[in-house]
Amino acid sequence: MTEIILLAKTMNTSSDPIRQFLDGPCDVLNTSVSYEDDPEMLGRLNIKQEWYPPGSEFMTSEHELSPLLLNKKLKETVVIDSMNLWISNLVLLYNSDERSVWVVWERMKEDLAALLYGMRHQLGCKRLIILTSNVDFDWSLRTPVAKTYQRLSWEVDNLLIPKIDRYGLLLNGATLWVQ
């Protein structure tokens, strides 16, 4: 069975703590928006690719995660980078219509549950690492978009936490395991 690990990064965390889990090339599902027309985001992707061992394969999906991961032969370690970007994509897509966010969330929730179940039993994959940085979010923000992001983050956490095997907080080169 695949071990599922949730790692929460703080803003000042380098990539080094992530590397401790990567003993070779891995599959990385990047949840950021399209890069073709955005030089800044393309630069960020190039930096992120340096975080991972040579031979790692990168995939991109802004919304649906399970079709990419459950329909291919995977390496021993798979990284979803990151849940907070996945949530942001949904919120920003529908930022003027909160009701639409929640309608789409119901479909995405099913996708995430299918992904977790499918990855748990995926042959060949030993570890699924899900990165998030929600621990740094400024929870005092009170704009409608920020409130929607906060509520959606809470929903994602409530779906993930019962299904993970380990939860770690990455702090300045060290991992604090939460029990």
C-alpha atoms as a PDB file:
ATOM      1  CA  MET A   1       0.000   0.000   0.000  1.00  0.00           C
ATOM      2  CA  THR A   2       1.075   3.537  -0.704  1.00  0.00           C
ATOM      3  CA  GLU A   3       2.010   5.694   2.267  1.00  0.00           C
ATOM      4  CA  ILE A   4       0.321   9.119   2.108  1.00  0.00           C
ATOM      5  CA  ILE A   5       2.236  12.006   3.678  1.00  0.00           C
ATOM      6  CA  LEU A   6       1.039  15.604   4.025  1.00  0.00           C
ATOM      7  CA  LEU A   7       3.881  18.109   4.351  1.00  0.00           C
ATOM      8  CA  ALA A   8       3.077  21.703   5.283  1.00  0.00           C
ATOM      9  CA  LYS A   9       5.738  24.153   4.158  1.00  0.00           C
ATOM     10  CA  THR A  10       6.271  27.533   5.742  1.00  0.00           C
ATOM     11  CA  MET A  11       7.115  30.421   3.421  1.00  0.00           C
ATOM     12  CA  ASN A  12      10.781  30.452   4.400  1.00  0.00           C
ATOM     13  CA  THR A  13      11.252  26.711   3.931  1.00  0.00           C
ATOM     14  CA  SER A  14      13.739  25.733   1.268  1.00  0.00           C
ATOM     15  CA  SER A  15      13.392  22.609  -0.843  1.00  0.00           C
ATOM     16  CA  ASP A  16      15.911  20.684   1.265  1.00  0.00           C
ATOM     17  CA  PRO A  17      13.378  19.154   3.706  1.00  0.00           C
ATOM     18  CA  ILE A  18      11.407  17.774   0.761  1.00  0.00           C
ATOM     19  CA  ARG A  19      14.500  16.089  -0.629  1.00  0.00           C
ATOM     20  CA  GLN A  20      14.798  13.843   2.415  1.00  0.00           C
ATOM     21  CA  PHE A  21      11.805  11.913   1.060  1.00  0.00           C
ATOM     22  CA  LEU A  22      13.144  11.645  -2.467  1.00  0.00           C
ATOM     23  CA  ASP A  23      15.591   8.785  -2.880  1.00  0.00           C
ATOM     24  CA  GLY A  24      15.405   8.952  -6.668  1.00  0.00           C
ATOM     25  CA  PRO A  25      13.413  10.390  -9.537  1.00  0.00           C
ATOM     26  CA  CYS A  26       9.760  10.992  -8.770  1.00  0.00           C
ATOM     27  CA  ASP A  27       6.574  12.018 -10.518  1.00  0.00           C
ATOM     28  CA  VAL A  28       5.592  15.596  -9.684  1.00  0.00           C
ATOM     29  CA  LEU A  29       2.057  16.859 -10.287  1.00  0.00           C
ATOM     30  CA  ASN A  30       2.288  20.634 -10.390  1.00  0.00           C
ATOM     31  CA  THR A  31      -1.083  22.284  -9.730  1.00  0.00           C
ATOM     32  CA  SER A  32      -0.150  25.767 -10.916  1.00  0.00           C
ATOM     33  CA  VAL A  33      -1.885  27.538 -13.749  1.00  0.00           C
ATOM     34  CA  SER A  34      -0.597  27.454 -17.319  1.00  0.00           C
ATOM     35  CA  TYR A  35       2.917  28.813 -17.873  1.00  0.00           C
ATOM     36  CA  GLU A  36       3.072  29.451 -21.607  1.00  0.00           C
ATOM     37  CA  ASP A  37       2.139  33.143 -21.407  1.00  0.00           C
ATOM     38  CA  ASP A  38       3.511  33.981 -17.966  1.00  0.00           C
ATOM     39  CA  PRO A  39       7.313  34.436 -17.733  1.00  0.00           C
ATOM     40  CA  GLU A  40       7.206  34.797 -13.927  1.00  0.00           C
ATOM     41  CA  MET A  41       5.364  31.486 -13.469  1.00  0.00           C
ATOM     42  CA  LEU A  42       7.655  29.797 -16.005  1.00  0.00           C
ATOM     43  CA  GLY A  43      10.606  30.996 -13.930  1.00  0.00           C
ATOM     44  CA  ARG A  44       9.019  29.566 -10.776  1.00  0.00           C
ATOM     45  CA  LEU A  45       8.506  26.216 -12.507  1.00  0.00           C
ATOM     46  CA  ASN A  46      12.156  26.151 -13.540  1.00  0.00           C
ATOM     47  CA  ILE A  47      13.208  26.792  -9.932  1.00  0.00           C
ATOM     48  CA  LYS A  48      10.845  24.085  -8.651  1.00  0.00           C
ATOM     49  CA  GLN A  49      12.261  21.584 -11.118  1.00  0.00           C
ATOM     50  CA  GLU A  50      15.666  22.076  -9.498  1.00  0.00           C
ATOM     51  CA  TRP A  51      14.177  20.879  -6.180  1.00  0.00           C
ATOM     52  CA  TYR A  52      13.691  17.361  -7.515  1.00  0.00           C
ATOM     53  CA  PRO A  53      16.222  14.674  -8.485  1.00  0.00           C
ATOM     54  CA  PRO A  54      17.267  14.340 -12.139  1.00  0.00           C
ATOM     55  CA  GLY A  55      14.900  12.097 -14.056  1.00  0.00           C
ATOM     56  CA  SER A  56      11.801  13.332 -12.238  1.00  0.00           C
ATOM     57  CA  GLU A  57       8.775  13.697 -14.485  1.00  0.00           C
ATOM     58  CA  PHE A  58       6.604  16.812 -14.271  1.00  0.00           C
ATOM     59  CA  MET A  59       2.895  16.992 -15.062  1.00  0.00           C
ATOM     60  CA  THR A  60       0.570  19.984 -14.751  1.00  0.00           C
ATOM     61  CA  SER A  61      -3.107  20.084 -13.886  1.00  0.00           C
ATOM     62  CA  GLU A  62      -5.005  23.118 -12.651  1.00  0.00           C
ATOM     63  CA  HIS A  63      -8.108  21.229 -11.570  1.00  0.00           C
ATOM     64  CA  GLU A  64      -8.570  17.462 -11.960  1.00  0.00           C
ATOM     65  CA  LEU A  65      -5.812  15.447 -10.321  1.00  0.00           C
ATOM     66  CA  SER A  66      -6.880  11.808 -10.493  1.00  0.00           C
ATOM     67  CA  PRO A  67      -6.957  11.335 -14.312  1.00  0.00           C
ATOM     68  CA  LEU A  68      -3.273  12.245 -14.591  1.00  0.00           C
ATOM     69  CA  LEU A  69      -2.067  10.063 -11.740  1.00  0.00           C
ATOM     70  CA  LEU A  70      -4.355   7.061 -11.847  1.00  0.00           C
ATOM     71  CA  ASN A  71      -3.985   6.361 -15.564  1.00  0.00           C
ATOM     72  CA  LYS A  72      -0.227   5.918 -15.826  1.00  0.00           C
ATOM     73  CA  LYS A  73       2.621   3.845 -14.457  1.00  0.00           C
ATOM     74  CA  LEU A  74       4.081   5.845 -11.600  1.00  0.00           C
ATOM     75  CA  LYS A  75       7.480   6.061  -9.988  1.00  0.00           C
ATOM     76  CA  GLU A  76       7.922   4.945  -6.350  1.00  0.00           C
ATOM     77  CA  THR A  77       7.340   8.494  -5.091  1.00  0.00           C
ATOM     78  CA  VAL A  78       4.693  10.931  -6.323  1.00  0.00           C
ATOM     79  CA  VAL A  79       4.551  14.566  -5.179  1.00  0.00           C
ATOM     80  CA  ILE A  80       1.530  16.848  -5.503  1.00  0.00           C
ATOM     81  CA  ASP A  81       2.903  20.378  -5.462  1.00  0.00           C
ATOM     82  CA  SER A  82       0.744  21.861  -4.005  1.00  0.00           C
ATOM     83  CA  MET A  83      -2.710  21.716  -2.443  1.00  0.00           C
ATOM     84  CA  ASN A  84      -2.882  25.447  -1.716  1.00  0.00           C
ATOM     85  CA  LEU A  85      -2.270  26.237  -5.394  1.00  0.00           C
ATOM     86  CA  TRP A  86      -4.981  23.749  -6.341  1.00  0.00           C
ATOM     87  CA  ILE A  87      -7.409  25.531  -4.000  1.00  0.00           C
ATOM     88  CA  SER A  88      -6.336  28.958  -5.297  1.00  0.00           C
ATOM     89  CA  ASN A  89      -6.986  27.874  -8.885  1.00  0.00           C
ATOM     90  CA  LEU A  90     -10.562  27.011  -8.012  1.00  0.00           C
ATOM     91  CA  VAL A  91     -11.199  30.180  -6.005  1.00  0.00           C
ATOM     92  CA  LEU A  92      -9.654  32.508  -8.589  1.00  0.00           C
ATOM     93  CA  LEU A  93     -11.497  30.862 -11.452  1.00  0.00           C
ATOM     94  CA  TYR A  94     -14.835  31.666  -9.824  1.00  0.00           C
ATOM     95  CA  ASN A  95     -13.904  34.605  -7.569  1.00  0.00           C
ATOM     96  CA  SER A  96     -16.917  36.650  -8.562  1.00  0.00           C
ATOM     97  CA  ASP A  97     -19.389  33.840  -7.941  1.00  0.00           C
ATOM     98  CA  GLU A  98     -18.953  32.029  -4.615  1.00  0.00           C
ATOM     99  CA  ARG A  99     -21.875  29.697  -5.335  1.00  0.00           C
ATOM    100  CA  SER A 100     -20.061  28.374  -8.439  1.00  0.00           C
ATOM    101  CA  VAL A 101     -16.952  27.657  -6.338  1.00  0.00           C
ATOM    102  CA  TRP A 102     -18.960  25.353  -4.089  1.00  0.00           C
ATOM    103  CA  VAL A 103     -20.697  23.612  -6.990  1.00  0.00           C
ATOM    104  CA  VAL A 104     -17.321  22.897  -8.609  1.00  0.00           C
ATOM    105  CA  TRP A 105     -15.857  21.940  -5.203  1.00  0.00           C
ATOM    106  CA  GLU A 106     -18.348  19.074  -4.944  1.00  0.00           C
ATOM    107  CA  ARG A 107     -16.952  17.630  -8.187  1.00  0.00           C
ATOM    108  CA  MET A 108     -13.337  18.296  -7.170  1.00  0.00           C
ATOM    109  CA  LYS A 109     -13.962  16.707  -3.757  1.00  0.00           C
ATOM    110  CA  GLU A 110     -14.992  13.507  -5.532  1.00  0.00           C
ATOM    111  CA  ASP A 111     -11.842  13.714  -7.672  1.00  0.00           C
ATOM    112  CA  LEU A 112      -9.632  14.165  -4.587  1.00  0.00           C
ATOM    113  CA  ALA A 113     -11.303  11.270  -2.742  1.00  0.00           C
ATOM    114  CA  ALA A 114     -10.877   9.045  -5.828  1.00  0.00           C
ATOM    115  CA  LEU A 115      -7.244  10.116  -6.072  1.00  0.00           C
ATOM    116  CA  LEU A 116      -6.505   9.271  -2.428  1.00  0.00           C
ATOM    117  CA  TYR A 117      -8.237   5.897  -2.672  1.00  0.00           C
ATOM    118  CA  GLY A 118      -6.621   5.083  -6.019  1.00  0.00           C
ATOM    119  CA  MET A 119      -3.141   6.126  -4.899  1.00  0.00           C
ATOM    120  CA  ARG A 120      -3.429   4.094  -1.705  1.00  0.00           C
ATOM    121  CA  HIS A 121      -3.703   0.947  -3.843  1.00  0.00           C
ATOM    122  CA  GLN A 122      -1.563   2.000  -6.813  1.00  0.00           C
ATOM    123  CA  LEU A 123       0.969  -0.678  -7.740  1.00  0.00           C
ATOM    124  CA  GLY A 124       4.563   0.495  -7.852  1.00  0.00           C
ATOM    125  CA  CYS A 125       3.978   3.705  -5.921  1.00  0.00           C
ATOM    126  CA  LYS A 126       5.276   3.557  -2.348  1.00  0.00           C
ATOM    127  CA  ARG A 127       4.799   7.190  -1.282  1.00  0.00           C
ATOM    128  CA  LEU A 128       2.422  10.022  -2.109  1.00  0.00           C
ATOM    129  CA  ILE A 129       3.674  13.334  -0.742  1.00  0.00           C
ATOM    130  CA  ILE A 130       1.171  16.179  -0.749  1.00  0.00           C
ATOM    131  CA  LEU A 131       2.698  19.622  -0.230  1.00  0.00           C
ATOM    132  CA  THR A 132       0.753  22.520   1.187  1.00  0.00           C
ATOM    133  CA  SER A 133       1.636  25.904   2.604  1.00  0.00           C
ATOM    134  CA  ASN A 134      -1.683  26.831   4.159  1.00  0.00           C
ATOM    135  CA  VAL A 135       0.077  27.217   7.489  1.00  0.00           C
ATOM    136  CA  ASP A 136       1.379  30.608   6.287  1.00  0.00           C
ATOM    137  CA  PHE A 137      -1.902  31.968   4.978  1.00  0.00           C
ATOM    138  CA  ASP A 138      -2.904  35.265   6.523  1.00  0.00           C
ATOM    139  CA  TRP A 139      -6.121  34.113   8.192  1.00  0.00           C
ATOM    140  CA  SER A 140      -6.952  37.703   9.169  1.00  0.00           C
ATOM    141  CA  LEU A 141      -7.799  38.597   5.560  1.00  0.00           C
ATOM    142  CA  ARG A 142     -11.508  39.284   5.324  1.00  0.00           C
ATOM    143  CA  THR A 143     -12.135  39.841   1.602  1.00  0.00           C
ATOM    144  CA  PRO A 144     -14.791  37.598   0.000  1.00  0.00           C
ATOM    145  CA  VAL A 145     -12.128  35.738  -2.021  1.00  0.00           C
ATOM    146  CA  ALA A 146      -9.978  35.206   1.104  1.00  0.00           C
ATOM    147  CA  LYS A 147     -12.985  33.941   3.069  1.00  0.00           C
ATOM    148  CA  THR A 148     -13.831  31.473   0.305  1.00  0.00           C
ATOM    149  CA  TYR A 149     -10.195  30.313   0.205  1.00  0.00           C
ATOM    150  CA  GLN A 150     -10.218  29.832   3.980  1.00  0.00           C
ATOM    151  CA  ARG A 151     -13.422  27.780   3.932  1.00  0.00           C
ATOM    152  CA  LEU A 152     -12.228  25.679   1.015  1.00  0.00           C
ATOM    153  CA  SER A 153      -8.860  25.060   2.704  1.00  0.00           C
ATOM    154  CA  TRP A 154     -10.702  23.822   5.761  1.00  0.00           C
ATOM    155  CA  GLU A 155     -12.780  21.479   3.575  1.00  0.00           C
ATOM    156  CA  VAL A 156      -9.663  20.087   1.867  1.00  0.00           C
ATOM    157  CA  ASP A 157      -7.922  19.565   5.220  1.00  0.00           C
ATOM    158  CA  ASN A 158     -10.973  17.761   6.586  1.00  0.00           C
ATOM    159  CA  LEU A 159     -10.917  15.441   3.600  1.00  0.00           C
ATOM    160  CA  LEU A 160      -7.145  14.832   3.693  1.00  0.00           C
ATOM    161  CA  ILE A 161      -6.302  14.482   7.365  1.00  0.00           C
ATOM    162  CA  PRO A 162      -8.247  11.269   8.107  1.00  0.00           C
ATOM    163  CA  LYS A 163      -6.689   9.620   5.047  1.00  0.00           C
ATOM    164  CA  ILE A 164      -3.014  10.441   5.569  1.00  0.00           C
ATOM    165  CA  ASP A 165      -0.455   8.292   7.354  1.00  0.00           C
ATOM    166  CA  ARG A 166       1.873  11.074   8.482  1.00  0.00           C
ATOM    167  CA  TYR A 167       1.699  14.855   8.789  1.00  0.00           C
ATOM    168  CA  GLY A 168       4.855  16.912   8.902  1.00  0.00           C
ATOM    169  CA  LEU A 169       5.563  20.605   9.293  1.00  0.00           C
ATOM    170  CA  LEU A 170       8.688  21.751   7.426  1.00  0.00           C
ATOM    171  CA  LEU A 171      10.582  24.367   9.423  1.00  0.00           C
ATOM    172  CA  ASN A 172      13.960  25.781   8.354  1.00  0.00           C
ATOM    173  CA  GLY A 173      15.549  22.507   7.304  1.00  0.00           C
ATOM    174  CA  ALA A 174      13.818  20.239   9.819  1.00  0.00           C
ATOM    175  CA  THR A 175      10.598  18.258   9.831  1.00  0.00           C
ATOM    176  CA  LEU A 176       8.327  18.390  12.866  1.00  0.00           C
ATOM    177  CA  TRP A 177       6.049  15.333  12.808  1.00  0.00           C
ATOM    178  CA  VAL A 178       2.583  15.908  14.210  1.00  0.00           C
ATOM    179  CA  GLN A 179       0.855  12.972  15.873  1.00  0.00           C
END
